[in-house]
Amino acid sequence: MKGNKFDYEDRLVKFAGESIYFCKTLPKNNIGRYYFDQILRAAGSSALHYGEAQGTNTIKDFVYKVSNVVKELKETRVAFKVLAHVNLGDLELRKKLINEVEELIAIAVKMIMNKRK
């Protein structure tokens, strides 16, 4: 997940894309389809919510939209942890994505804290 660490939107977009690649490694059964859909929605929504946040007019609205980013990222993180527990999907990509989602959550939380000052 290399690249410009300071361009948060690009990192979210790349995270959503890499999550799709990961989901393609899941089994094609009910479990795989369920987590594919969950991760696809949550990872993609995090990038979309951040796009909305950039167009806000007030600090309150920005904080609300970025809080939604955090919520979606945390949902994605839990899905990856469940899959890690049952050892489903590409191991190396899953590890990279778990690391990246942790960093993305930390950055978003810091943005929220900075705006609330």
PDB file of N, CA and C in Angstrom:
ATOM      1  N   MET A   1       0.831  -1.170   0.000  1.00  0.00           N
ATOM      2  CA  MET A   1       0.000   0.000   0.000  1.00  0.00           C
ATOM      3  C   MET A   1       0.891   1.255   0.000  1.00  0.00           C
ATOM      4  N   LYS A   2       1.931   1.219  -0.804  1.00  0.00           N
ATOM      5  CA  LYS A   2       2.846   2.349  -0.902  1.00  0.00           C
ATOM      6  C   LYS A   2       2.195   3.484  -1.677  1.00  0.00           C
ATOM      7  N   GLY A   3       2.903   4.580  -1.766  1.00  0.00           N
ATOM      8  CA  GLY A   3       2.394   5.735  -2.487  1.00  0.00           C
ATOM      9  C   GLY A   3       2.472   6.959  -1.617  1.00  0.00           C
ATOM     10  N   ASN A   4       1.836   8.009  -2.040  1.00  0.00           N
ATOM     11  CA  ASN A   4       1.830   9.252  -1.288  1.00  0.00           C
ATOM     12  C   ASN A   4       0.984   9.081  -0.037  1.00  0.00           C
ATOM     13  N   LYS A   5       1.634   8.976   1.103  1.00  0.00           N
ATOM     14  CA  LYS A   5       0.923   8.734   2.349  1.00  0.00           C
ATOM     15  C   LYS A   5       0.041   9.902   2.754  1.00  0.00           C
ATOM     16  N   PHE A   6       0.247  11.053   2.146  1.00  0.00           N
ATOM     17  CA  PHE A   6      -0.474  12.233   2.578  1.00  0.00           C
ATOM     18  C   PHE A   6      -1.721  12.504   1.742  1.00  0.00           C
ATOM     19  N   ASP A   7      -1.969  11.713   0.724  1.00  0.00           N
ATOM     20  CA  ASP A   7      -3.180  11.897  -0.063  1.00  0.00           C
ATOM     21  C   ASP A   7      -4.199  10.858   0.392  1.00  0.00           C
ATOM     22  N   TYR A   8      -4.988  11.262   1.366  1.00  0.00           N
ATOM     23  CA  TYR A   8      -5.909  10.343   2.025  1.00  0.00           C
ATOM     24  C   TYR A   8      -6.948   9.783   1.055  1.00  0.00           C
ATOM     25  N   GLU A   9      -7.493  10.632   0.199  1.00  0.00           N
ATOM     26  CA  GLU A   9      -8.491  10.140  -0.753  1.00  0.00           C
ATOM     27  C   GLU A   9      -7.916   9.043  -1.639  1.00  0.00           C
ATOM     28  N   ASP A  10      -6.704   9.254  -2.150  1.00  0.00           N
ATOM     29  CA  ASP A  10      -6.082   8.231  -3.001  1.00  0.00           C
ATOM     30  C   ASP A  10      -5.851   6.941  -2.228  1.00  0.00           C
ATOM     31  N   ARG A  11      -5.475   7.054  -0.966  1.00  0.00           N
ATOM     32  CA  ARG A  11      -5.284   5.842  -0.149  1.00  0.00           C
ATOM     33  C   ARG A  11      -6.598   5.104   0.052  1.00  0.00           C
ATOM     34  N   LEU A  12      -7.681   5.842   0.271  1.00  0.00           N
ATOM     35  CA  LEU A  12      -8.985   5.198   0.432  1.00  0.00           C
ATOM     36  C   LEU A  12      -9.427   4.509  -0.854  1.00  0.00           C
ATOM     37  N   VAL A  13      -9.199   5.170  -1.978  1.00  0.00           N
ATOM     38  CA  VAL A  13      -9.560   4.578  -3.269  1.00  0.00           C
ATOM     39  C   VAL A  13      -8.745   3.308  -3.509  1.00  0.00           C
ATOM     40  N   LYS A  14      -7.452   3.388  -3.251  1.00  0.00           N
ATOM     41  CA  LYS A  14      -6.597   2.217  -3.439  1.00  0.00           C
ATOM     42  C   LYS A  14      -7.004   1.090  -2.484  1.00  0.00           C
ATOM     43  N   PHE A  15      -7.330   1.448  -1.246  1.00  0.00           N
ATOM     44  CA  PHE A  15      -7.779   0.453  -0.271  1.00  0.00           C
ATOM     45  C   PHE A  15      -9.047  -0.245  -0.759  1.00  0.00           C
ATOM     46  N   ALA A  16      -9.991   0.520  -1.281  1.00  0.00           N
ATOM     47  CA  ALA A  16     -11.229  -0.069  -1.804  1.00  0.00           C
ATOM     48  C   ALA A  16     -10.918  -1.010  -2.964  1.00  0.00           C
ATOM     49  N   GLY A  17     -10.030  -0.579  -3.854  1.00  0.00           N
ATOM     50  CA  GLY A  17      -9.655  -1.427  -4.989  1.00  0.00           C
ATOM     51  C   GLY A  17      -8.936  -2.693  -4.571  1.00  0.00           C
ATOM     52  N   GLU A  18      -7.990  -2.551  -3.656  1.00  0.00           N
ATOM     53  CA  GLU A  18      -7.252  -3.725  -3.164  1.00  0.00           C
ATOM     54  C   GLU A  18      -8.183  -4.676  -2.415  1.00  0.00           C
ATOM     55  N   SER A  19      -9.184  -4.116  -1.761  1.00  0.00           N
ATOM     56  CA  SER A  19     -10.174  -4.959  -1.073  1.00  0.00           C
ATOM     57  C   SER A  19     -10.957  -5.799  -2.075  1.00  0.00           C
ATOM     58  N   ILE A  20     -11.240  -5.227  -3.233  1.00  0.00           N
ATOM     59  CA  ILE A  20     -11.918  -5.991  -4.289  1.00  0.00           C
ATOM     60  C   ILE A  20     -11.031  -7.149  -4.734  1.00  0.00           C
ATOM     61  N   TYR A  21      -9.740  -6.860  -4.966  1.00  0.00           N
ATOM     62  CA  TYR A  21      -8.812  -7.929  -5.361  1.00  0.00           C
ATOM     63  C   TYR A  21      -8.779  -9.027  -4.301  1.00  0.00           C
ATOM     64  N   PHE A  22      -8.761  -8.617  -3.027  1.00  0.00           N
ATOM     65  CA  PHE A  22      -8.764  -9.609  -1.952  1.00  0.00           C
ATOM     66  C   PHE A  22     -10.032 -10.460  -2.014  1.00  0.00           C
ATOM     67  N   CYS A  23     -11.168  -9.808  -2.179  1.00  0.00           N
ATOM     68  CA  CYS A  23     -12.439 -10.536  -2.190  1.00  0.00           C
ATOM     69  C   CYS A  23     -12.499 -11.585  -3.292  1.00  0.00           C
ATOM     70  N   LYS A  24     -11.802 -11.331  -4.377  1.00  0.00           N
ATOM     71  CA  LYS A  24     -11.769 -12.303  -5.467  1.00  0.00           C
ATOM     72  C   LYS A  24     -11.059 -13.593  -5.054  1.00  0.00           C
ATOM     73  N   THR A  25     -10.323 -13.563  -3.936  1.00  0.00           N
ATOM     74  CA  THR A  25      -9.633 -14.767  -3.460  1.00  0.00           C
ATOM     75  C   THR A  25     -10.484 -15.571  -2.478  1.00  0.00           C
ATOM     76  N   LEU A  26     -11.656 -15.053  -2.158  1.00  0.00           N
ATOM     77  CA  LEU A  26     -12.540 -15.763  -1.224  1.00  0.00           C
ATOM     78  C   LEU A  26     -13.217 -16.926  -1.928  1.00  0.00           C
ATOM     79  N   PRO A  27     -13.601 -17.946  -1.162  1.00  0.00           N
ATOM     80  CA  PRO A  27     -14.291 -19.088  -1.780  1.00  0.00           C
ATOM     81  C   PRO A  27     -15.625 -18.652  -2.373  1.00  0.00           C
ATOM     82  N   LYS A  28     -16.041 -19.352  -3.399  1.00  0.00           N
ATOM     83  CA  LYS A  28     -17.291 -19.016  -4.078  1.00  0.00           C
ATOM     84  C   LYS A  28     -18.432 -19.834  -3.476  1.00  0.00           C
ATOM     85  N   ASN A  29     -18.636 -19.634  -2.185  1.00  0.00           N
ATOM     86  CA  ASN A  29     -19.739 -20.267  -1.470  1.00  0.00           C
ATOM     87  C   ASN A  29     -20.486 -19.180  -0.695  1.00  0.00           C
ATOM     88  N   ASN A  30     -21.434 -19.552   0.143  1.00  0.00           N
ATOM     89  CA  ASN A  30     -22.230 -18.566   0.879  1.00  0.00           C
ATOM     90  C   ASN A  30     -21.363 -17.676   1.767  1.00  0.00           C
ATOM     91  N   ILE A  31     -20.386 -18.256   2.421  1.00  0.00           N
ATOM     92  CA  ILE A  31     -19.506 -17.486   3.305  1.00  0.00           C
ATOM     93  C   ILE A  31     -18.700 -16.477   2.489  1.00  0.00           C
ATOM     94  N   GLY A  32     -18.081 -16.928   1.430  1.00  0.00           N
ATOM     95  CA  GLY A  32     -17.285 -16.050   0.596  1.00  0.00           C
ATOM     96  C   GLY A  32     -18.103 -14.919  -0.001  1.00  0.00           C
ATOM     97  N   ARG A  33     -19.302 -15.245  -0.482  1.00  0.00           N
ATOM     98  CA  ARG A  33     -20.162 -14.215  -1.064  1.00  0.00           C
ATOM     99  C   ARG A  33     -20.608 -13.191  -0.018  1.00  0.00           C
ATOM    100  N   TYR A  34     -20.911 -13.679   1.186  1.00  0.00           N
ATOM    101  CA  TYR A  34     -21.347 -12.787   2.262  1.00  0.00           C
ATOM    102  C   TYR A  34     -20.250 -11.769   2.588  1.00  0.00           C
ATOM    103  N   TYR A  35     -19.034 -12.261   2.816  1.00  0.00           N
ATOM    104  CA  TYR A  35     -17.938 -11.350   3.168  1.00  0.00           C
ATOM    105  C   TYR A  35     -17.485 -10.515   1.971  1.00  0.00           C
ATOM    106  N   PHE A  36     -17.578 -11.047   0.786  1.00  0.00           N
ATOM    107  CA  PHE A  36     -17.305 -10.253  -0.414  1.00  0.00           C
ATOM    108  C   PHE A  36     -18.209  -9.029  -0.430  1.00  0.00           C
ATOM    109  N   ASP A  37     -19.514  -9.261  -0.246  1.00  0.00           N
ATOM    110  CA  ASP A  37     -20.478  -8.156  -0.272  1.00  0.00           C
ATOM    111  C   ASP A  37     -20.230  -7.161   0.864  1.00  0.00           C
ATOM    112  N   GLN A  38     -19.978  -7.679   2.066  1.00  0.00           N
ATOM    113  CA  GLN A  38     -19.748  -6.793   3.216  1.00  0.00           C
ATOM    114  C   GLN A  38     -18.523  -5.909   2.996  1.00  0.00           C
ATOM    115  N   ILE A  39     -17.428  -6.521   2.603  1.00  0.00           N
ATOM    116  CA  ILE A  39     -16.180  -5.776   2.416  1.00  0.00           C
ATOM    117  C   ILE A  39     -16.317  -4.812   1.247  1.00  0.00           C
ATOM    118  N   LEU A  40     -16.920  -5.273   0.179  1.00  0.00           N
ATOM    119  CA  LEU A  40     -17.105  -4.418  -0.994  1.00  0.00           C
ATOM    120  C   LEU A  40     -17.878  -3.151  -0.629  1.00  0.00           C
ATOM    121  N   ARG A  41     -18.973  -3.310   0.107  1.00  0.00           N
ATOM    122  CA  ARG A  41     -19.788  -2.152   0.495  1.00  0.00           C
ATOM    123  C   ARG A  41     -19.048  -1.242   1.465  1.00  0.00           C
ATOM    124  N   ALA A  42     -18.484  -1.811   2.515  1.00  0.00           N
ATOM    125  CA  ALA A  42     -17.871  -0.982   3.558  1.00  0.00           C
ATOM    126  C   ALA A  42     -16.597  -0.288   3.071  1.00  0.00           C
ATOM    127  N   ALA A  43     -15.724  -1.009   2.389  1.00  0.00           N
ATOM    128  CA  ALA A  43     -14.483  -0.403   1.904  1.00  0.00           C
ATOM    129  C   ALA A  43     -14.783   0.663   0.855  1.00  0.00           C
ATOM    130  N   GLY A  44     -15.709   0.368  -0.037  1.00  0.00           N
ATOM    131  CA  GLY A  44     -16.083   1.352  -1.049  1.00  0.00           C
ATOM    132  C   GLY A  44     -16.763   2.566  -0.441  1.00  0.00           C
ATOM    133  N   SER A  45     -17.616   2.339   0.540  1.00  0.00           N
ATOM    134  CA  SER A  45     -18.316   3.449   1.192  1.00  0.00           C
ATOM    135  C   SER A  45     -17.365   4.387   1.918  1.00  0.00           C
ATOM    136  N   SER A  46     -16.287   3.856   2.446  1.00  0.00           N
ATOM    137  CA  SER A  46     -15.345   4.727   3.160  1.00  0.00           C
ATOM    138  C   SER A  46     -14.777   5.777   2.208  1.00  0.00           C
ATOM    139  N   ALA A  47     -14.419   5.376   1.009  1.00  0.00           N
ATOM    140  CA  ALA A  47     -13.891   6.323   0.021  1.00  0.00           C
ATOM    141  C   ALA A  47     -14.983   7.308  -0.409  1.00  0.00           C
ATOM    142  N   LEU A  48     -16.181   6.814  -0.614  1.00  0.00           N
ATOM    143  CA  LEU A  48     -17.278   7.677  -1.057  1.00  0.00           C
ATOM    144  C   LEU A  48     -17.658   8.697   0.011  1.00  0.00           C
ATOM    145  N   HIS A  49     -17.697   8.274   1.266  1.00  0.00           N
ATOM    146  CA  HIS A  49     -18.008   9.201   2.360  1.00  0.00           C
ATOM    147  C   HIS A  49     -16.942  10.289   2.475  1.00  0.00           C
ATOM    148  N   TYR A  50     -15.703   9.924   2.252  1.00  0.00           N
ATOM    149  CA  TYR A  50     -14.653  10.938   2.318  1.00  0.00           C
ATOM    150  C   TYR A  50     -14.815  11.943   1.180  1.00  0.00           C
ATOM    151  N   GLY A  51     -15.212  11.459   0.020  1.00  0.00           N
ATOM    152  CA  GLY A  51     -15.499  12.375  -1.080  1.00  0.00           C
ATOM    153  C   GLY A  51     -16.591  13.367  -0.704  1.00  0.00           C
ATOM    154  N   GLU A  52     -17.616  12.885  -0.017  1.00  0.00           N
ATOM    155  CA  GLU A  52     -18.684  13.764   0.462  1.00  0.00           C
ATOM    156  C   GLU A  52     -18.148  14.757   1.487  1.00  0.00           C
ATOM    157  N   ALA A  53     -17.281  14.304   2.363  1.00  0.00           N
ATOM    158  CA  ALA A  53     -16.729  15.168   3.418  1.00  0.00           C
ATOM    159  C   ALA A  53     -15.978  16.354   2.826  1.00  0.00           C
ATOM    160  N   GLN A  54     -15.317  16.123   1.715  1.00  0.00           N
ATOM    161  CA  GLN A  54     -14.543  17.204   1.102  1.00  0.00           C
ATOM    162  C   GLN A  54     -15.436  18.306   0.545  1.00  0.00           C
ATOM    163  N   GLY A  55     -16.694  18.016   0.336  1.00  0.00           N
ATOM    164  CA  GLY A  55     -17.609  19.011  -0.204  1.00  0.00           C
ATOM    165  C   GLY A  55     -18.494  19.666   0.839  1.00  0.00           C
ATOM    166  N   THR A  56     -18.191  19.465   2.104  1.00  0.00           N
ATOM    167  CA  THR A  56     -19.037  20.034   3.153  1.00  0.00           C
ATOM    168  C   THR A  56     -18.760  21.513   3.348  1.00  0.00           C
ATOM    169  N   ASN A  57     -19.744  22.199   3.932  1.00  0.00           N
ATOM    170  CA  ASN A  57     -19.634  23.635   4.171  1.00  0.00           C
ATOM    171  C   ASN A  57     -19.344  23.992   5.617  1.00  0.00           C
ATOM    172  N   THR A  58     -19.539  23.043   6.514  1.00  0.00           N
ATOM    173  CA  THR A  58     -19.318  23.335   7.930  1.00  0.00           C
ATOM    174  C   THR A  58     -18.398  22.289   8.548  1.00  0.00           C
ATOM    175  N   ILE A  59     -17.753  22.674   9.627  1.00  0.00           N
ATOM    176  CA  ILE A  59     -16.894  21.741  10.358  1.00  0.00           C
ATOM    177  C   ILE A  59     -17.732  20.597  10.912  1.00  0.00           C
ATOM    178  N   LYS A  60     -18.920  20.914  11.418  1.00  0.00           N
ATOM    179  CA  LYS A  60     -19.803  19.883  11.984  1.00  0.00           C
ATOM    180  C   LYS A  60     -20.137  18.826  10.938  1.00  0.00           C
ATOM    181  N   ASP A  61     -20.468  19.263   9.731  1.00  0.00           N
ATOM    182  CA  ASP A  61     -20.798  18.326   8.657  1.00  0.00           C
ATOM    183  C   ASP A  61     -19.573  17.506   8.254  1.00  0.00           C
ATOM    184  N   PHE A  62     -18.406  18.159   8.180  1.00  0.00           N
ATOM    185  CA  PHE A  62     -17.165  17.447   7.854  1.00  0.00           C
ATOM    186  C   PHE A  62     -16.899  16.347   8.884  1.00  0.00           C
ATOM    187  N   VAL A  63     -17.010  16.695  10.159  1.00  0.00           N
ATOM    188  CA  VAL A  63     -16.770  15.712  11.227  1.00  0.00           C
ATOM    189  C   VAL A  63     -17.751  14.558  11.112  1.00  0.00           C
ATOM    190  N   TYR A  64     -19.009  14.853  10.826  1.00  0.00           N
ATOM    191  CA  TYR A  64     -20.020  13.808  10.674  1.00  0.00           C
ATOM    192  C   TYR A  64     -19.663  12.868   9.520  1.00  0.00           C
ATOM    193  N   LYS A  65     -19.287  13.434   8.373  1.00  0.00           N
ATOM    194  CA  LYS A  65     -18.961  12.606   7.206  1.00  0.00           C
ATOM    195  C   LYS A  65     -17.705  11.775   7.448  1.00  0.00           C
ATOM    196  N   VAL A  66     -16.694  12.364   8.071  1.00  0.00           N
ATOM    197  CA  VAL A  66     -15.470  11.605   8.342  1.00  0.00           C
ATOM    198  C   VAL A  66     -15.731  10.546   9.419  1.00  0.00           C
ATOM    199  N   SER A  67     -16.662  10.816  10.326  1.00  0.00           N
ATOM    200  CA  SER A  67     -17.061   9.792  11.296  1.00  0.00           C
ATOM    201  C   SER A  67     -17.675   8.585  10.590  1.00  0.00           C
ATOM    202  N   ASN A  68     -18.400   8.837   9.506  1.00  0.00           N
ATOM    203  CA  ASN A  68     -18.933   7.734   8.703  1.00  0.00           C
ATOM    204  C   ASN A  68     -17.809   6.950   8.038  1.00  0.00           C
ATOM    205  N   VAL A  69     -16.759   7.645   7.623  1.00  0.00           N
ATOM    206  CA  VAL A  69     -15.586   6.965   7.050  1.00  0.00           C
ATOM    207  C   VAL A  69     -15.028   5.996   8.087  1.00  0.00           C
ATOM    208  N   VAL A  70     -14.861   6.474   9.316  1.00  0.00           N
ATOM    209  CA  VAL A  70     -14.315   5.636  10.388  1.00  0.00           C
ATOM    210  C   VAL A  70     -15.215   4.428  10.625  1.00  0.00           C
ATOM    211  N   LYS A  71     -16.516   4.648  10.665  1.00  0.00           N
ATOM    212  CA  LYS A  71     -17.462   3.549  10.890  1.00  0.00           C
ATOM    213  C   LYS A  71     -17.320   2.471   9.815  1.00  0.00           C
ATOM    214  N   GLU A  72     -17.242   2.883   8.566  1.00  0.00           N
ATOM    215  CA  GLU A  72     -17.119   1.925   7.461  1.00  0.00           C
ATOM    216  C   GLU A  72     -15.773   1.203   7.499  1.00  0.00           C
ATOM    217  N   LEU A  73     -14.715   1.937   7.828  1.00  0.00           N
ATOM    218  CA  LEU A  73     -13.398   1.302   7.922  1.00  0.00           C
ATOM    219  C   LEU A  73     -13.354   0.283   9.054  1.00  0.00           C
ATOM    220  N   LYS A  74     -13.969   0.613  10.177  1.00  0.00           N
ATOM    221  CA  LYS A  74     -13.996  -0.340  11.304  1.00  0.00           C
ATOM    222  C   LYS A  74     -14.799  -1.588  10.953  1.00  0.00           C
ATOM    223  N   GLU A  75     -15.872  -1.412  10.204  1.00  0.00           N
ATOM    224  CA  GLU A  75     -16.645  -2.571   9.752  1.00  0.00           C
ATOM    225  C   GLU A  75     -15.788  -3.458   8.852  1.00  0.00           C
ATOM    226  N   THR A  76     -15.042  -2.827   7.961  1.00  0.00           N
ATOM    227  CA  THR A  76     -14.161  -3.583   7.069  1.00  0.00           C
ATOM    228  C   THR A  76     -13.090  -4.310   7.866  1.00  0.00           C
ATOM    229  N   ARG A  77     -12.520  -3.629   8.853  1.00  0.00           N
ATOM    230  CA  ARG A  77     -11.483  -4.241   9.686  1.00  0.00           C
ATOM    231  C   ARG A  77     -12.010  -5.496  10.378  1.00  0.00           C
ATOM    232  N   VAL A  78     -13.207  -5.417  10.931  1.00  0.00           N
ATOM    233  CA  VAL A  78     -13.780  -6.579  11.621  1.00  0.00           C
ATOM    234  C   VAL A  78     -13.997  -7.728  10.646  1.00  0.00           C
ATOM    235  N   ALA A  79     -14.463  -7.427   9.447  1.00  0.00           N
ATOM    236  CA  ALA A  79     -14.661  -8.487   8.447  1.00  0.00           C
ATOM    237  C   ALA A  79     -13.336  -9.173   8.128  1.00  0.00           C
ATOM    238  N   PHE A  80     -12.263  -8.375   7.952  1.00  0.00           N
ATOM    239  CA  PHE A  80     -10.952  -8.973   7.695  1.00  0.00           C
ATOM    240  C   PHE A  80     -10.493  -9.821   8.875  1.00  0.00           C
ATOM    241  N   LYS A  81     -10.773  -9.386  10.094  1.00  0.00           N
ATOM    242  CA  LYS A  81     -10.376 -10.158  11.281  1.00  0.00           C
ATOM    243  C   LYS A  81     -11.129 -11.480  11.358  1.00  0.00           C
ATOM    244  N   VAL A  82     -12.410 -11.451  11.017  1.00  0.00           N
ATOM    245  CA  VAL A  82     -13.185 -12.702  11.003  1.00  0.00           C
ATOM    246  C   VAL A  82     -12.577 -13.658   9.982  1.00  0.00           C
ATOM    247  N   LEU A  83     -12.281 -13.148   8.805  1.00  0.00           N
ATOM    248  CA  LEU A  83     -11.694 -13.994   7.760  1.00  0.00           C
ATOM    249  C   LEU A  83     -10.312 -14.496   8.164  1.00  0.00           C
ATOM    250  N   ALA A  84      -9.568 -13.691   8.889  1.00  0.00           N
ATOM    251  CA  ALA A  84      -8.265 -14.145   9.395  1.00  0.00           C
ATOM    252  C   ALA A  84      -8.462 -15.280  10.400  1.00  0.00           C
ATOM    253  N   HIS A  85      -9.476 -15.152  11.234  1.00  0.00           N
ATOM    254  CA  HIS A  85      -9.742 -16.180  12.248  1.00  0.00           C
ATOM    255  C   HIS A  85     -10.056 -17.532  11.611  1.00  0.00           C
ATOM    256  N   VAL A  86     -10.748 -17.517  10.484  1.00  0.00           N
ATOM    257  CA  VAL A  86     -11.109 -18.775   9.824  1.00  0.00           C
ATOM    258  C   VAL A  86     -10.212 -19.072   8.628  1.00  0.00           C
ATOM    259  N   ASN A  87      -9.184 -18.241   8.454  1.00  0.00           N
ATOM    260  CA  ASN A  87      -8.169 -18.436   7.414  1.00  0.00           C
ATOM    261  C   ASN A  87      -8.757 -18.520   6.004  1.00  0.00           C
ATOM    262  N   LEU A  88      -9.529 -17.495   5.647  1.00  0.00           N
ATOM    263  CA  LEU A  88     -10.088 -17.428   4.294  1.00  0.00           C
ATOM    264  C   LEU A  88      -9.509 -16.235   3.550  1.00  0.00           C
ATOM    265  N   GLY A  89      -9.285 -16.399   2.273  1.00  0.00           N
ATOM    266  CA  GLY A  89      -8.741 -15.338   1.437  1.00  0.00           C
ATOM    267  C   GLY A  89      -7.223 -15.338   1.442  1.00  0.00           C
ATOM    268  N   ASP A  90      -6.649 -14.578   0.543  1.00  0.00           N
ATOM    269  CA  ASP A  90      -5.197 -14.482   0.394  1.00  0.00           C
ATOM    270  C   ASP A  90      -4.560 -13.915   1.661  1.00  0.00           C
ATOM    271  N   LEU A  91      -3.703 -14.697   2.294  1.00  0.00           N
ATOM    272  CA  LEU A  91      -3.104 -14.341   3.580  1.00  0.00           C
ATOM    273  C   LEU A  91      -2.289 -13.054   3.507  1.00  0.00           C
ATOM    274  N   GLU A  92      -1.390 -12.948   2.547  1.00  0.00           N
ATOM    275  CA  GLU A  92      -0.513 -11.774   2.464  1.00  0.00           C
ATOM    276  C   GLU A  92      -1.299 -10.499   2.179  1.00  0.00           C
ATOM    277  N   LEU A  93      -2.227 -10.566   1.256  1.00  0.00           N
ATOM    278  CA  LEU A  93      -3.027  -9.384   0.937  1.00  0.00           C
ATOM    279  C   LEU A  93      -3.896  -8.998   2.131  1.00  0.00           C
ATOM    280  N   ARG A  94      -4.453  -9.989   2.820  1.00  0.00           N
ATOM    281  CA  ARG A  94      -5.272  -9.705   3.999  1.00  0.00           C
ATOM    282  C   ARG A  94      -4.450  -8.989   5.065  1.00  0.00           C
ATOM    283  N   LYS A  95      -3.216  -9.440   5.307  1.00  0.00           N
ATOM    284  CA  LYS A  95      -2.350  -8.790   6.291  1.00  0.00           C
ATOM    285  C   LYS A  95      -2.077  -7.339   5.911  1.00  0.00           C
ATOM    286  N   LYS A  96      -1.787  -7.093   4.638  1.00  0.00           N
ATOM    287  CA  LYS A  96      -1.529  -5.723   4.164  1.00  0.00           C
ATOM    288  C   LYS A  96      -2.763  -4.843   4.338  1.00  0.00           C
ATOM    289  N   LEU A  97      -3.921  -5.403   4.033  1.00  0.00           N
ATOM    290  CA  LEU A  97      -5.148  -4.627   4.137  1.00  0.00           C
ATOM    291  C   LEU A  97      -5.518  -4.334   5.581  1.00  0.00           C
ATOM    292  N   ILE A  98      -5.277  -5.272   6.476  1.00  0.00           N
ATOM    293  CA  ILE A  98      -5.534  -5.020   7.895  1.00  0.00           C
ATOM    294  C   ILE A  98      -4.618  -3.910   8.395  1.00  0.00           C
ATOM    295  N   ASN A  99      -3.357  -3.941   7.996  1.00  0.00           N
ATOM    296  CA  ASN A  99      -2.429  -2.878   8.383  1.00  0.00           C
ATOM    297  C   ASN A  99      -2.885  -1.529   7.812  1.00  0.00           C
ATOM    298  N   GLU A 100      -3.274  -1.515   6.552  1.00  0.00           N
ATOM    299  CA  GLU A 100      -3.697  -0.270   5.925  1.00  0.00           C
ATOM    300  C   GLU A 100      -4.972   0.266   6.550  1.00  0.00           C
ATOM    301  N   VAL A 101      -5.921  -0.597   6.862  1.00  0.00           N
ATOM    302  CA  VAL A 101      -7.169  -0.112   7.453  1.00  0.00           C
ATOM    303  C   VAL A 101      -6.899   0.497   8.833  1.00  0.00           C
ATOM    304  N   GLU A 102      -5.965  -0.070   9.575  1.00  0.00           N
ATOM    305  CA  GLU A 102      -5.609   0.513  10.876  1.00  0.00           C
ATOM    306  C   GLU A 102      -5.049   1.920  10.697  1.00  0.00           C
ATOM    307  N   GLU A 103      -4.182   2.099   9.706  1.00  0.00           N
ATOM    308  CA  GLU A 103      -3.605   3.417   9.447  1.00  0.00           C
ATOM    309  C   GLU A 103      -4.673   4.398   8.972  1.00  0.00           C
ATOM    310  N   LEU A 104      -5.562   3.951   8.099  1.00  0.00           N
ATOM    311  CA  LEU A 104      -6.618   4.821   7.598  1.00  0.00           C
ATOM    312  C   LEU A 104      -7.563   5.268   8.707  1.00  0.00           C
ATOM    313  N   ILE A 105      -7.876   4.370   9.628  1.00  0.00           N
ATOM    314  CA  ILE A 105      -8.717   4.720  10.777  1.00  0.00           C
ATOM    315  C   ILE A 105      -8.007   5.769  11.629  1.00  0.00           C
ATOM    316  N   ALA A 106      -6.734   5.554  11.913  1.00  0.00           N
ATOM    317  CA  ALA A 106      -5.974   6.490  12.747  1.00  0.00           C
ATOM    318  C   ALA A 106      -5.927   7.886  12.111  1.00  0.00           C
ATOM    319  N   ILE A 107      -5.735   7.949  10.812  1.00  0.00           N
ATOM    320  CA  ILE A 107      -5.678   9.240  10.119  1.00  0.00           C
ATOM    321  C   ILE A 107      -7.032   9.947  10.213  1.00  0.00           C
ATOM    322  N   ALA A 108      -8.111   9.213   9.974  1.00  0.00           N
ATOM    323  CA  ALA A 108      -9.447   9.819  10.016  1.00  0.00           C
ATOM    324  C   ALA A 108      -9.774  10.318  11.420  1.00  0.00           C
ATOM    325  N   VAL A 109      -9.434   9.537  12.423  1.00  0.00           N
ATOM    326  CA  VAL A 109      -9.684   9.953  13.811  1.00  0.00           C
ATOM    327  C   VAL A 109      -8.901  11.225  14.122  1.00  0.00           C
ATOM    328  N   LYS A 110      -7.672  11.294  13.647  1.00  0.00           N
ATOM    329  CA  LYS A 110      -6.851  12.492  13.860  1.00  0.00           C
ATOM    330  C   LYS A 110      -7.479  13.698  13.158  1.00  0.00           C
ATOM    331  N   MET A 111      -8.004  13.518  11.944  1.00  0.00           N
ATOM    332  CA  MET A 111      -8.688  14.605  11.244  1.00  0.00           C
ATOM    333  C   MET A 111      -9.859  15.131  12.068  1.00  0.00           C
ATOM    334  N   ILE A 112     -10.632  14.206  12.611  1.00  0.00           N
ATOM    335  CA  ILE A 112     -11.793  14.584  13.425  1.00  0.00           C
ATOM    336  C   ILE A 112     -11.334  15.360  14.656  1.00  0.00           C
ATOM    337  N   MET A 113     -10.328  14.852  15.329  1.00  0.00           N
ATOM    338  CA  MET A 113      -9.828  15.519  16.537  1.00  0.00           C
ATOM    339  C   MET A 113      -9.308  16.922  16.215  1.00  0.00           C
ATOM    340  N   ASN A 114      -8.610  17.063  15.103  1.00  0.00           N
ATOM    341  CA  ASN A 114      -8.076  18.371  14.706  1.00  0.00           C
ATOM    342  C   ASN A 114      -9.189  19.372  14.397  1.00  0.00           C
ATOM    343  N   LYS A 115     -10.257  18.921  13.794  1.00  0.00           N
ATOM    344  CA  LYS A 115     -11.381  19.809  13.457  1.00  0.00           C
ATOM    345  C   LYS A 115     -12.163  20.218  14.702  1.00  0.00           C
ATOM    346  N   ARG A 116     -12.155  19.387  15.720  1.00  0.00           N
ATOM    347  CA  ARG A 116     -12.920  19.671  16.943  1.00  0.00           C
ATOM    348  C   ARG A 116     -12.195  20.619  17.874  1.00  0.00           C
ATOM    349  N   LYS A 117     -10.937  20.914  17.606  1.00  0.00           N
ATOM    350  CA  LYS A 117     -10.153  21.807  18.481  1.00  0.00           C
ATOM    351  C   LYS A 117     -10.663  23.220  18.426  1.00  0.00           C
TER     352      LYS A 117
END
